[in-house]
Amino acid sequence: MSVATPEKSSEKGLKSSDIESVGYLYPYLETKKLQDGSTALYPRVIGERDPNNASHWRWAFNWKEKIKGVWKGRSIGSIPCGAVTIIREMQKGGVYQR
């Protein structure tokens, strides 16, 4: 059984020019129960987990879209750690692409 739980939530909202979409990127740890009954956190890290190292976390992106006047929640549950820097730069620049 695999359970993904948010470890911390950060990053400011992402806005399009017409404010029709808002989103955020956040890191989390994945917990898996092993065959021997113990649990393991993924991604595995040797030593201490660095909050500033993107490869030490699983990443997800959530956003809300206004569709026919109603806000709908959307999410992508697995973002490659290599895309985190690109997404953060887009957020800083106020760019949002669908």
N, C-alpha and C. Protein backbone atom coordinates (compact mmCIF):
# COMPACT_ATOMS: atom_id res chain seq x y z
N MET A 1 0.84 -1.18 0.00
CA MET A 1 0.00 0.00 0.00
C MET A 1 0.88 1.24 0.00
N SER A 2 0.54 2.19 -0.80
CA SER A 2 1.32 3.42 -0.93
C SER A 2 0.44 4.61 -0.56
N VAL A 3 0.95 5.46 0.31
CA VAL A 3 0.22 6.64 0.73
C VAL A 3 1.11 7.85 0.52
N ALA A 4 0.62 8.83 -0.18
CA ALA A 4 1.38 10.06 -0.39
C ALA A 4 0.82 11.13 0.52
N THR A 5 1.67 11.70 1.36
CA THR A 5 1.23 12.74 2.28
C THR A 5 2.06 13.98 2.08
N PRO A 6 1.43 15.15 2.05
CA PRO A 6 2.20 16.38 1.91
C PRO A 6 3.10 16.59 3.13
N GLU A 7 4.34 16.87 2.91
CA GLU A 7 5.29 17.14 3.98
C GLU A 7 5.25 18.61 4.35
N LYS A 8 5.16 19.45 3.36
CA LYS A 8 5.05 20.89 3.60
C LYS A 8 4.46 21.51 2.35
N SER A 9 3.84 22.63 2.52
CA SER A 9 3.25 23.30 1.37
C SER A 9 3.87 24.68 1.24
N SER A 10 4.37 24.99 0.05
CA SER A 10 4.99 26.28 -0.18
C SER A 10 4.66 26.75 -1.57
N GLU A 11 5.34 27.74 -2.00
CA GLU A 11 5.19 28.34 -3.32
C GLU A 11 3.94 29.21 -3.38
N LYS A 12 4.11 30.36 -3.96
CA LYS A 12 3.00 31.29 -4.12
C LYS A 12 2.14 30.88 -5.30
N GLY A 13 0.92 31.36 -5.30
CA GLY A 13 -0.01 31.03 -6.37
C GLY A 13 0.48 31.46 -7.73
N LEU A 14 0.04 30.76 -8.71
CA LEU A 14 0.42 31.00 -10.10
C LEU A 14 -0.79 31.64 -10.77
N LYS A 15 -0.61 32.74 -11.46
CA LYS A 15 -1.76 33.45 -12.01
C LYS A 15 -1.61 33.68 -13.51
N SER A 16 -2.69 33.50 -14.23
CA SER A 16 -2.68 33.86 -15.65
C SER A 16 -3.07 35.33 -15.77
N SER A 17 -2.95 35.87 -16.94
CA SER A 17 -3.23 37.30 -17.12
C SER A 17 -4.69 37.64 -16.82
N ASP A 18 -5.59 36.71 -17.04
CA ASP A 18 -7.00 36.99 -16.78
C ASP A 18 -7.48 36.36 -15.46
N ILE A 19 -6.58 35.86 -14.66
CA ILE A 19 -6.86 35.27 -13.35
C ILE A 19 -7.94 34.20 -13.43
N GLU A 20 -7.86 33.36 -14.43
CA GLU A 20 -8.80 32.26 -14.58
C GLU A 20 -8.23 30.95 -14.04
N SER A 21 -6.95 30.92 -13.67
CA SER A 21 -6.34 29.71 -13.13
C SER A 21 -5.37 30.08 -12.00
N VAL A 22 -5.33 29.26 -10.97
CA VAL A 22 -4.43 29.47 -9.84
C VAL A 22 -3.85 28.11 -9.48
N GLY A 23 -2.52 28.03 -9.24
CA GLY A 23 -1.92 26.74 -8.92
C GLY A 23 -0.71 26.84 -8.03
N TYR A 24 -0.31 25.70 -7.47
CA TYR A 24 0.87 25.66 -6.62
C TYR A 24 1.57 24.32 -6.72
N LEU A 25 2.87 24.38 -6.55
CA LEU A 25 3.75 23.23 -6.57
C LEU A 25 4.13 22.91 -5.13
N TYR A 26 4.11 21.62 -4.75
CA TYR A 26 4.50 21.30 -3.38
C TYR A 26 5.23 19.96 -3.30
N PRO A 27 6.17 19.87 -2.34
CA PRO A 27 6.89 18.62 -2.12
C PRO A 27 6.13 17.72 -1.15
N TYR A 28 6.32 16.42 -1.27
CA TYR A 28 5.73 15.48 -0.32
C TYR A 28 6.61 14.24 -0.26
N LEU A 29 6.37 13.43 0.75
CA LEU A 29 7.06 12.15 0.89
C LEU A 29 6.06 11.03 0.66
N GLU A 30 6.48 10.00 -0.01
CA GLU A 30 5.64 8.84 -0.25
C GLU A 30 5.99 7.78 0.79
N THR A 31 4.98 7.23 1.44
CA THR A 31 5.17 6.20 2.45
C THR A 31 4.72 4.86 1.88
N LYS A 32 5.60 3.86 1.95
CA LYS A 32 5.24 2.52 1.48
C LYS A 32 5.46 1.52 2.60
N LYS A 33 4.52 0.59 2.72
CA LYS A 33 4.66 -0.48 3.69
C LYS A 33 5.43 -1.62 3.03
N LEU A 34 6.52 -2.04 3.66
CA LEU A 34 7.35 -3.10 3.11
C LEU A 34 6.84 -4.46 3.54
N GLN A 35 7.33 -5.52 2.91
CA GLN A 35 6.87 -6.88 3.20
C GLN A 35 7.12 -7.29 4.65
N ASP A 36 8.17 -6.77 5.26
CA ASP A 36 8.45 -7.14 6.65
C ASP A 36 7.61 -6.35 7.65
N GLY A 37 6.71 -5.48 7.16
CA GLY A 37 5.82 -4.72 8.03
C GLY A 37 6.33 -3.32 8.35
N SER A 38 7.57 -3.04 8.06
CA SER A 38 8.10 -1.71 8.32
C SER A 38 7.67 -0.76 7.21
N THR A 39 7.86 0.52 7.43
CA THR A 39 7.51 1.50 6.41
C THR A 39 8.77 2.22 5.94
N ALA A 40 8.73 2.67 4.70
CA ALA A 40 9.86 3.38 4.11
C ALA A 40 9.35 4.66 3.46
N LEU A 41 10.16 5.70 3.53
CA LEU A 41 9.82 6.97 2.89
C LEU A 41 10.57 7.07 1.57
N TYR A 42 9.86 7.52 0.54
CA TYR A 42 10.46 7.69 -0.78
C TYR A 42 10.29 9.13 -1.22
N PRO A 43 11.25 9.69 -1.95
CA PRO A 43 12.47 9.04 -2.42
C PRO A 43 13.44 8.79 -1.27
N ARG A 44 14.22 7.73 -1.42
CA ARG A 44 15.23 7.37 -0.42
C ARG A 44 16.35 8.40 -0.45
N VAL A 45 16.84 8.77 0.72
CA VAL A 45 17.92 9.74 0.85
C VAL A 45 18.93 9.21 1.84
N ILE A 46 20.21 9.28 1.49
CA ILE A 46 21.28 8.90 2.42
C ILE A 46 21.61 10.14 3.23
N GLY A 47 21.59 10.03 4.54
CA GLY A 47 21.84 11.18 5.41
C GLY A 47 20.56 11.96 5.65
N GLU A 48 20.71 13.26 5.88
CA GLU A 48 19.55 14.11 6.14
C GLU A 48 18.90 14.58 4.85
N ARG A 49 17.58 14.73 4.91
CA ARG A 49 16.81 15.22 3.76
C ARG A 49 16.98 16.75 3.69
N ASP A 50 17.40 17.24 2.55
CA ASP A 50 17.64 18.68 2.35
C ASP A 50 16.38 19.33 1.80
N PRO A 51 15.80 20.29 2.52
CA PRO A 51 14.57 20.93 2.04
C PRO A 51 14.76 21.71 0.74
N ASN A 52 16.00 22.06 0.40
CA ASN A 52 16.26 22.83 -0.82
C ASN A 52 16.71 21.97 -2.00
N ASN A 53 16.82 20.67 -1.81
CA ASN A 53 17.24 19.76 -2.88
C ASN A 53 16.00 19.10 -3.48
N ALA A 54 15.68 19.46 -4.71
CA ALA A 54 14.46 18.95 -5.36
C ALA A 54 14.44 17.43 -5.49
N SER A 55 15.60 16.80 -5.60
CA SER A 55 15.63 15.34 -5.76
C SER A 55 15.37 14.60 -4.45
N HIS A 56 15.30 15.30 -3.33
CA HIS A 56 15.01 14.67 -2.04
C HIS A 56 13.51 14.56 -1.76
N TRP A 57 12.68 14.95 -2.71
CA TRP A 57 11.23 14.98 -2.51
C TRP A 57 10.50 14.45 -3.74
N ARG A 58 9.27 13.99 -3.53
CA ARG A 58 8.33 13.77 -4.62
C ARG A 58 7.63 15.12 -4.80
N TRP A 59 7.17 15.41 -6.01
CA TRP A 59 6.56 16.71 -6.28
C TRP A 59 5.19 16.54 -6.91
N ALA A 60 4.28 17.44 -6.56
CA ALA A 60 2.94 17.45 -7.14
C ALA A 60 2.56 18.89 -7.47
N PHE A 61 1.61 19.04 -8.36
CA PHE A 61 1.13 20.37 -8.75
C PHE A 61 -0.39 20.35 -8.73
N ASN A 62 -0.98 21.28 -8.00
CA ASN A 62 -2.43 21.43 -7.93
C ASN A 62 -2.80 22.80 -8.47
N TRP A 63 -3.95 22.88 -9.11
CA TRP A 63 -4.43 24.17 -9.58
C TRP A 63 -5.95 24.15 -9.65
N LYS A 64 -6.52 25.34 -9.75
CA LYS A 64 -7.96 25.49 -9.93
C LYS A 64 -8.18 26.21 -11.24
N GLU A 65 -9.17 25.75 -11.98
CA GLU A 65 -9.56 26.36 -13.25
C GLU A 65 -11.02 26.77 -13.17
N LYS A 66 -11.30 27.92 -13.75
CA LYS A 66 -12.69 28.35 -13.81
C LYS A 66 -13.27 27.84 -15.12
N ILE A 67 -14.21 26.91 -15.03
CA ILE A 67 -14.84 26.30 -16.19
C ILE A 67 -16.33 26.59 -16.13
N LYS A 68 -16.81 27.35 -17.12
CA LYS A 68 -18.22 27.75 -17.18
C LYS A 68 -18.67 28.41 -15.87
N GLY A 69 -17.80 29.26 -15.32
CA GLY A 69 -18.14 30.00 -14.11
C GLY A 69 -17.96 29.25 -12.81
N VAL A 70 -17.53 27.99 -12.86
CA VAL A 70 -17.35 27.18 -11.65
C VAL A 70 -15.88 26.80 -11.51
N TRP A 71 -15.32 26.99 -10.31
CA TRP A 71 -13.93 26.62 -10.06
C TRP A 71 -13.82 25.11 -9.86
N LYS A 72 -12.92 24.48 -10.61
CA LYS A 72 -12.68 23.03 -10.53
C LYS A 72 -11.24 22.80 -10.11
N GLY A 73 -11.03 21.88 -9.17
CA GLY A 73 -9.68 21.52 -8.74
C GLY A 73 -9.08 20.46 -9.65
N ARG A 74 -7.82 20.64 -10.00
CA ARG A 74 -7.08 19.70 -10.85
C ARG A 74 -5.74 19.42 -10.19
N SER A 75 -5.12 18.29 -10.54
CA SER A 75 -3.81 18.00 -9.97
C SER A 75 -3.01 17.06 -10.86
N ILE A 76 -1.70 17.17 -10.73
CA ILE A 76 -0.75 16.24 -11.34
C ILE A 76 0.05 15.71 -10.16
N GLY A 77 -0.06 14.42 -9.89
CA GLY A 77 0.52 13.85 -8.69
C GLY A 77 1.98 13.48 -8.77
N SER A 78 2.57 13.52 -9.92
CA SER A 78 3.97 13.13 -10.02
C SER A 78 4.69 14.02 -11.02
N ILE A 79 5.40 14.99 -10.49
CA ILE A 79 6.18 15.92 -11.32
C ILE A 79 7.64 15.49 -11.23
N PRO A 80 8.35 15.33 -12.35
CA PRO A 80 9.78 14.99 -12.28
C PRO A 80 10.55 16.11 -11.58
N CYS A 81 11.51 15.73 -10.73
CA CYS A 81 12.25 16.75 -9.98
C CYS A 81 12.99 17.70 -10.90
N GLY A 82 13.32 17.27 -12.11
CA GLY A 82 13.97 18.15 -13.07
C GLY A 82 13.08 19.27 -13.57
N ALA A 83 11.76 19.10 -13.48
CA ALA A 83 10.82 20.12 -13.93
C ALA A 83 10.52 21.15 -12.85
N VAL A 84 10.91 20.89 -11.63
CA VAL A 84 10.61 21.78 -10.51
C VAL A 84 11.19 23.18 -10.74
N THR A 85 12.44 23.25 -11.17
CA THR A 85 13.08 24.54 -11.41
C THR A 85 12.35 25.33 -12.49
N ILE A 86 11.95 24.65 -13.55
CA ILE A 86 11.23 25.31 -14.65
C ILE A 86 9.89 25.85 -14.16
N ILE A 87 9.16 25.05 -13.39
CA ILE A 87 7.86 25.48 -12.88
C ILE A 87 8.02 26.67 -11.94
N ARG A 88 9.03 26.64 -11.07
CA ARG A 88 9.27 27.76 -10.16
C ARG A 88 9.59 29.04 -10.93
N GLU A 89 10.38 28.94 -11.99
CA GLU A 89 10.70 30.11 -12.80
C GLU A 89 9.45 30.66 -13.48
N MET A 90 8.58 29.77 -13.94
CA MET A 90 7.33 30.21 -14.55
C MET A 90 6.46 30.92 -13.52
N GLN A 91 6.43 30.40 -12.28
CA GLN A 91 5.65 31.03 -11.22
C GLN A 91 6.18 32.43 -10.91
N LYS A 92 7.50 32.56 -10.83
CA LYS A 92 8.10 33.87 -10.55
C LYS A 92 7.79 34.87 -11.65
N GLY A 93 7.77 34.39 -12.88
CA GLY A 93 7.49 35.26 -14.02
C GLY A 93 6.01 35.50 -14.27
N GLY A 94 5.15 34.82 -13.52
CA GLY A 94 3.71 34.98 -13.71
C GLY A 94 3.19 34.29 -14.94
N VAL A 95 3.94 33.32 -15.45
CA VAL A 95 3.54 32.60 -16.67
C VAL A 95 2.77 31.36 -16.27
N TYR A 96 1.69 31.09 -16.95
CA TYR A 96 0.93 29.86 -16.74
C TYR A 96 0.58 29.30 -18.10
N GLN A 97 0.95 28.05 -18.34
CA GLN A 97 0.62 27.41 -19.60
C GLN A 97 -0.22 26.18 -19.32
N ARG A 98 -1.23 25.97 -20.14
CA ARG A 98 -2.06 24.78 -19.98
C ARG A 98 -1.55 23.69 -20.85
